[in-house]
Amino acid sequence: MFIYSLRASTLKFFAVICVSLVMLITLIAFIPAYGNDDGFIASSKDVEIKYDDVKTNEDRIAFLAQFGWEVSAQPRESVEVTIPSEFDKIFTGYNEIQRRQGLDLSKYKKKKVMRYTYEVTNYEGANGTVYANVLVYRNRVIGGDICSADVTGFIHGFEK
């Protein structure tokens, strides 16, 4: 026959651990995160970006506005381009920009897509003209970028 005994100090130790865990869980559940007026921290991941149903010029402008970009009323250029079947070093780098924003052009190899180029009017701190390129295939945005026309310019995804 086995007999197991607990000392009073062991019981007190487990009681203190249990009470501490209950208090910690209660604090986590009832103390709001600090950030905006609602008590929650807002991030760009909380906002759902719509990439489909982009049929008209207004739809493309509204798409860019989801990221906070203000652009010219009409595209500077509308061109049909073909996604290459094999990606060279430059296009692989460009596709990496797309992949960082949740898109992937490798699915569209050999496809003809429309590229719409708009002039961005609210890019802060840029020297020269800034463009927004939007790649559309079957009324869905499949890629694009924000870039500078300056020689020492920049290129990045849609996020500010």
C-alpha atoms as a PDB file:
ATOM      1  CA  MET A   1       0.000   0.000   0.000  1.00  0.00           C
ATOM      2  CA  PHE A   2       1.249   3.509  -0.945  1.00  0.00           C
ATOM      3  CA  ILE A   3       0.620   6.540   1.141  1.00  0.00           C
ATOM      4  CA  TYR A   4       1.153  10.021  -0.254  1.00  0.00           C
ATOM      5  CA  SER A   5       1.221  13.013   2.013  1.00  0.00           C
ATOM      6  CA  LEU A   6       1.381  16.707   1.282  1.00  0.00           C
ATOM      7  CA  ARG A   7       2.893  19.267   3.500  1.00  0.00           C
ATOM      8  CA  ALA A   8       1.089  22.513   4.126  1.00  0.00           C
ATOM      9  CA  SER A   9       3.857  24.471   2.360  1.00  0.00           C
ATOM     10  CA  THR A  10       3.365  22.418  -0.836  1.00  0.00           C
ATOM     11  CA  LEU A  11      -0.364  23.144  -0.829  1.00  0.00           C
ATOM     12  CA  LYS A  12       0.287  26.844  -0.290  1.00  0.00           C
ATOM     13  CA  PHE A  13       2.765  26.868  -3.186  1.00  0.00           C
ATOM     14  CA  PHE A  14       0.237  25.357  -5.651  1.00  0.00           C
ATOM     15  CA  ALA A  15      -2.499  27.680  -4.382  1.00  0.00           C
ATOM     16  CA  VAL A  16      -0.296  30.727  -4.987  1.00  0.00           C
ATOM     17  CA  ILE A  17       0.548  29.485  -8.526  1.00  0.00           C
ATOM     18  CA  CYS A  18      -3.156  28.911  -9.347  1.00  0.00           C
ATOM     19  CA  VAL A  19      -4.226  32.318  -8.006  1.00  0.00           C
ATOM     20  CA  SER A  20      -1.390  33.986  -9.958  1.00  0.00           C
ATOM     21  CA  LEU A  21      -2.459  32.296 -13.203  1.00  0.00           C
ATOM     22  CA  VAL A  22      -6.095  33.305 -12.712  1.00  0.00           C
ATOM     23  CA  MET A  23      -5.059  36.922 -12.077  1.00  0.00           C
ATOM     24  CA  LEU A  24      -2.797  36.980 -15.140  1.00  0.00           C
ATOM     25  CA  ILE A  25      -5.521  35.597 -17.416  1.00  0.00           C
ATOM     26  CA  THR A  26      -8.018  38.112 -16.014  1.00  0.00           C
ATOM     27  CA  LEU A  27      -5.639  41.017 -16.643  1.00  0.00           C
ATOM     28  CA  ILE A  28      -4.954  39.907 -20.202  1.00  0.00           C
ATOM     29  CA  ALA A  29      -8.659  39.532 -20.923  1.00  0.00           C
ATOM     30  CA  PHE A  30      -9.841  42.847 -19.481  1.00  0.00           C
ATOM     31  CA  ILE A  31      -7.062  45.358 -20.103  1.00  0.00           C
ATOM     32  CA  PRO A  32      -7.362  46.838 -23.634  1.00  0.00           C
ATOM     33  CA  ALA A  33      -4.429  47.437 -25.918  1.00  0.00           C
ATOM     34  CA  TYR A  34      -3.481  51.076 -26.311  1.00  0.00           C
ATOM     35  CA  GLY A  35      -3.529  52.660 -29.742  1.00  0.00           C
ATOM     36  CA  ASN A  36      -6.434  54.516 -31.292  1.00  0.00           C
ATOM     37  CA  ASP A  37      -9.628  55.829 -29.643  1.00  0.00           C
ATOM     38  CA  ASP A  38     -11.276  52.410 -29.660  1.00  0.00           C
ATOM     39  CA  GLY A  39      -8.579  50.996 -27.411  1.00  0.00           C
ATOM     40  CA  PHE A  40      -7.213  48.714 -30.105  1.00  0.00           C
ATOM     41  CA  ILE A  41      -4.080  48.944 -32.142  1.00  0.00           C
ATOM     42  CA  ALA A  42      -4.896  49.326 -35.823  1.00  0.00           C
ATOM     43  CA  SER A  43      -2.571  47.951 -38.453  1.00  0.00           C
ATOM     44  CA  SER A  44      -2.704  47.648 -42.210  1.00  0.00           C
ATOM     45  CA  LYS A  45      -3.179  43.894 -41.769  1.00  0.00           C
ATOM     46  CA  ASP A  46      -6.573  44.594 -40.129  1.00  0.00           C
ATOM     47  CA  VAL A  47      -7.898  46.165 -43.327  1.00  0.00           C
ATOM     48  CA  GLU A  48      -8.894  43.803 -46.111  1.00  0.00           C
ATOM     49  CA  ILE A  49      -7.594  44.903 -49.493  1.00  0.00           C
ATOM     50  CA  LYS A  50      -9.756  44.069 -52.510  1.00  0.00           C
ATOM     51  CA  TYR A  51      -7.757  42.875 -55.521  1.00  0.00           C
ATOM     52  CA  ASP A  52     -10.646  41.671 -57.672  1.00  0.00           C
ATOM     53  CA  ASP A  53     -13.522  43.340 -59.536  1.00  0.00           C
ATOM     54  CA  VAL A  54     -11.224  46.005 -61.023  1.00  0.00           C
ATOM     55  CA  LYS A  55     -12.948  46.764 -64.324  1.00  0.00           C
ATOM     56  CA  THR A  56     -12.895  50.538 -64.835  1.00  0.00           C
ATOM     57  CA  ASN A  57     -10.559  53.457 -64.343  1.00  0.00           C
ATOM     58  CA  GLU A  58     -12.494  54.424 -61.213  1.00  0.00           C
ATOM     59  CA  ASP A  59     -12.010  50.907 -59.825  1.00  0.00           C
ATOM     60  CA  ARG A  60      -8.230  51.167 -60.328  1.00  0.00           C
ATOM     61  CA  ILE A  61      -8.127  54.588 -58.647  1.00  0.00           C
ATOM     62  CA  ALA A  62     -10.196  53.199 -55.745  1.00  0.00           C
ATOM     63  CA  PHE A  63      -7.812  50.222 -55.529  1.00  0.00           C
ATOM     64  CA  LEU A  64      -4.822  52.546 -55.101  1.00  0.00           C
ATOM     65  CA  ALA A  65      -6.778  54.669 -52.619  1.00  0.00           C
ATOM     66  CA  GLN A  66      -7.046  51.601 -50.350  1.00  0.00           C
ATOM     67  CA  PHE A  67      -3.310  52.066 -49.739  1.00  0.00           C
ATOM     68  CA  GLY A  68      -3.632  55.828 -49.252  1.00  0.00           C
ATOM     69  CA  TRP A  69      -2.415  56.880 -52.709  1.00  0.00           C
ATOM     70  CA  GLU A  70      -3.955  59.778 -54.579  1.00  0.00           C
ATOM     71  CA  VAL A  71      -3.349  59.540 -58.322  1.00  0.00           C
ATOM     72  CA  SER A  72      -4.135  61.423 -61.507  1.00  0.00           C
ATOM     73  CA  ALA A  73      -7.678  61.064 -62.856  1.00  0.00           C
ATOM     74  CA  GLN A  74      -6.541  59.285 -66.029  1.00  0.00           C
ATOM     75  CA  PRO A  75      -3.686  56.810 -66.484  1.00  0.00           C
ATOM     76  CA  ARG A  76      -0.526  58.203 -68.087  1.00  0.00           C
ATOM     77  CA  GLU A  77      -0.170  54.913 -69.946  1.00  0.00           C
ATOM     78  CA  SER A  78      -2.290  51.832 -70.651  1.00  0.00           C
ATOM     79  CA  VAL A  79      -0.281  49.047 -72.231  1.00  0.00           C
ATOM     80  CA  GLU A  80      -0.810  45.337 -72.809  1.00  0.00           C
ATOM     81  CA  VAL A  81       2.298  43.447 -71.665  1.00  0.00           C
ATOM     82  CA  THR A  82       3.179  39.762 -71.632  1.00  0.00           C
ATOM     83  CA  ILE A  83       4.567  38.171 -68.474  1.00  0.00           C
ATOM     84  CA  PRO A  84       7.709  36.328 -69.622  1.00  0.00           C
ATOM     85  CA  SER A  85       7.821  32.536 -69.551  1.00  0.00           C
ATOM     86  CA  GLU A  86      11.265  32.601 -67.907  1.00  0.00           C
ATOM     87  CA  PHE A  87      12.170  35.212 -65.291  1.00  0.00           C
ATOM     88  CA  ASP A  88      15.575  36.846 -65.614  1.00  0.00           C
ATOM     89  CA  LYS A  89      17.412  38.402 -62.660  1.00  0.00           C
ATOM     90  CA  ILE A  90      15.546  41.727 -62.917  1.00  0.00           C
ATOM     91  CA  PHE A  91      12.098  40.180 -63.250  1.00  0.00           C
ATOM     92  CA  THR A  92      12.842  37.775 -60.392  1.00  0.00           C
ATOM     93  CA  GLY A  93      13.618  40.800 -58.207  1.00  0.00           C
ATOM     94  CA  TYR A  94      10.409  42.491 -59.342  1.00  0.00           C
ATOM     95  CA  ASN A  95       8.425  39.350 -58.538  1.00  0.00           C
ATOM     96  CA  GLU A  96       9.990  39.337 -55.071  1.00  0.00           C
ATOM     97  CA  ILE A  97       8.411  42.775 -54.496  1.00  0.00           C
ATOM     98  CA  GLN A  98       5.086  41.245 -55.556  1.00  0.00           C
ATOM     99  CA  ARG A  99       5.508  38.249 -53.262  1.00  0.00           C
ATOM    100  CA  ARG A 100       6.183  40.534 -50.284  1.00  0.00           C
ATOM    101  CA  GLN A 101       2.785  42.115 -50.854  1.00  0.00           C
ATOM    102  CA  GLY A 102       1.013  38.759 -51.188  1.00  0.00           C
ATOM    103  CA  LEU A 103       1.015  38.516 -54.987  1.00  0.00           C
ATOM    104  CA  ASP A 104       2.956  36.263 -57.361  1.00  0.00           C
ATOM    105  CA  LEU A 105       3.490  36.845 -61.075  1.00  0.00           C
ATOM    106  CA  SER A 106       4.893  33.358 -61.691  1.00  0.00           C
ATOM    107  CA  LYS A 107       1.300  32.084 -61.899  1.00  0.00           C
ATOM    108  CA  TYR A 108       0.783  34.314 -64.949  1.00  0.00           C
ATOM    109  CA  LYS A 109       3.755  33.312 -67.108  1.00  0.00           C
ATOM    110  CA  LYS A 110       3.035  33.768 -70.849  1.00  0.00           C
ATOM    111  CA  LYS A 111      -0.210  35.662 -70.061  1.00  0.00           C
ATOM    112  CA  LYS A 112      -1.058  39.031 -71.585  1.00  0.00           C
ATOM    113  CA  VAL A 113      -1.978  41.536 -68.892  1.00  0.00           C
ATOM    114  CA  MET A 114      -2.792  45.238 -68.838  1.00  0.00           C
ATOM    115  CA  ARG A 115      -0.416  47.657 -67.129  1.00  0.00           C
ATOM    116  CA  TYR A 116      -1.935  50.970 -66.072  1.00  0.00           C
ATOM    117  CA  THR A 117       0.455  53.727 -64.987  1.00  0.00           C
ATOM    118  CA  TYR A 118      -0.811  56.621 -62.875  1.00  0.00           C
ATOM    119  CA  GLU A 119       1.007  59.645 -61.537  1.00  0.00           C
ATOM    120  CA  VAL A 120       0.977  59.676 -57.725  1.00  0.00           C
ATOM    121  CA  THR A 121       0.163  63.140 -56.377  1.00  0.00           C
ATOM    122  CA  ASN A 122       0.633  62.631 -52.620  1.00  0.00           C
ATOM    123  CA  TYR A 123       4.031  60.910 -52.232  1.00  0.00           C
ATOM    124  CA  GLU A 124       5.834  62.803 -49.469  1.00  0.00           C
ATOM    125  CA  GLY A 125       9.540  63.526 -49.735  1.00  0.00           C
ATOM    126  CA  ALA A 126      10.007  62.382 -53.324  1.00  0.00           C
ATOM    127  CA  ASN A 127      12.166  64.314 -55.758  1.00  0.00           C
ATOM    128  CA  GLY A 128      10.536  64.261 -59.159  1.00  0.00           C
ATOM    129  CA  THR A 129       7.593  62.308 -60.473  1.00  0.00           C
ATOM    130  CA  VAL A 130       6.281  59.172 -58.762  1.00  0.00           C
ATOM    131  CA  TYR A 131       4.236  56.580 -60.626  1.00  0.00           C
ATOM    132  CA  ALA A 132       1.871  53.794 -59.582  1.00  0.00           C
ATOM    133  CA  ASN A 133       1.838  50.776 -61.897  1.00  0.00           C
ATOM    134  CA  VAL A 134      -1.107  48.390 -61.661  1.00  0.00           C
ATOM    135  CA  LEU A 135      -1.067  45.020 -63.450  1.00  0.00           C
ATOM    136  CA  VAL A 136      -4.563  43.689 -64.187  1.00  0.00           C
ATOM    137  CA  TYR A 137      -5.532  40.270 -65.548  1.00  0.00           C
ATOM    138  CA  ARG A 138      -9.213  39.401 -66.047  1.00  0.00           C
ATOM    139  CA  ASN A 139     -10.427  42.268 -63.828  1.00  0.00           C
ATOM    140  CA  ARG A 140      -8.070  41.294 -60.984  1.00  0.00           C
ATOM    141  CA  VAL A 141      -4.969  43.128 -59.785  1.00  0.00           C
ATOM    142  CA  ILE A 142      -2.110  40.633 -59.985  1.00  0.00           C
ATOM    143  CA  GLY A 143       0.793  42.979 -59.301  1.00  0.00           C
ATOM    144  CA  GLY A 144       2.142  46.472 -59.344  1.00  0.00           C
ATOM    145  CA  ASP A 145       4.414  48.946 -57.684  1.00  0.00           C
ATOM    146  CA  ILE A 146       5.065  52.515 -56.669  1.00  0.00           C
ATOM    147  CA  CYS A 147       8.211  53.883 -58.298  1.00  0.00           C
ATOM    148  CA  SER A 148      10.155  57.069 -58.887  1.00  0.00           C
ATOM    149  CA  ALA A 149      11.009  58.329 -62.366  1.00  0.00           C
ATOM    150  CA  ASP A 150      14.237  59.803 -60.967  1.00  0.00           C
ATOM    151  CA  VAL A 151      17.556  58.187 -61.951  1.00  0.00           C
ATOM    152  CA  THR A 152      18.380  57.517 -58.285  1.00  0.00           C
ATOM    153  CA  GLY A 153      14.766  56.605 -57.612  1.00  0.00           C
ATOM    154  CA  PHE A 154      13.037  53.803 -55.765  1.00  0.00           C
ATOM    155  CA  ILE A 155      10.533  51.029 -56.295  1.00  0.00           C
ATOM    156  CA  HIS A 156       8.352  49.276 -53.717  1.00  0.00           C
ATOM    157  CA  GLY A 157       4.958  47.623 -53.314  1.00  0.00           C
ATOM    158  CA  PHE A 158       1.631  49.360 -52.839  1.00  0.00           C
ATOM    159  CA  GLU A 159       2.001  49.818 -49.053  1.00  0.00           C
ATOM    160  CA  LYS A 160       3.182  53.248 -47.895  1.00  0.00           C
END
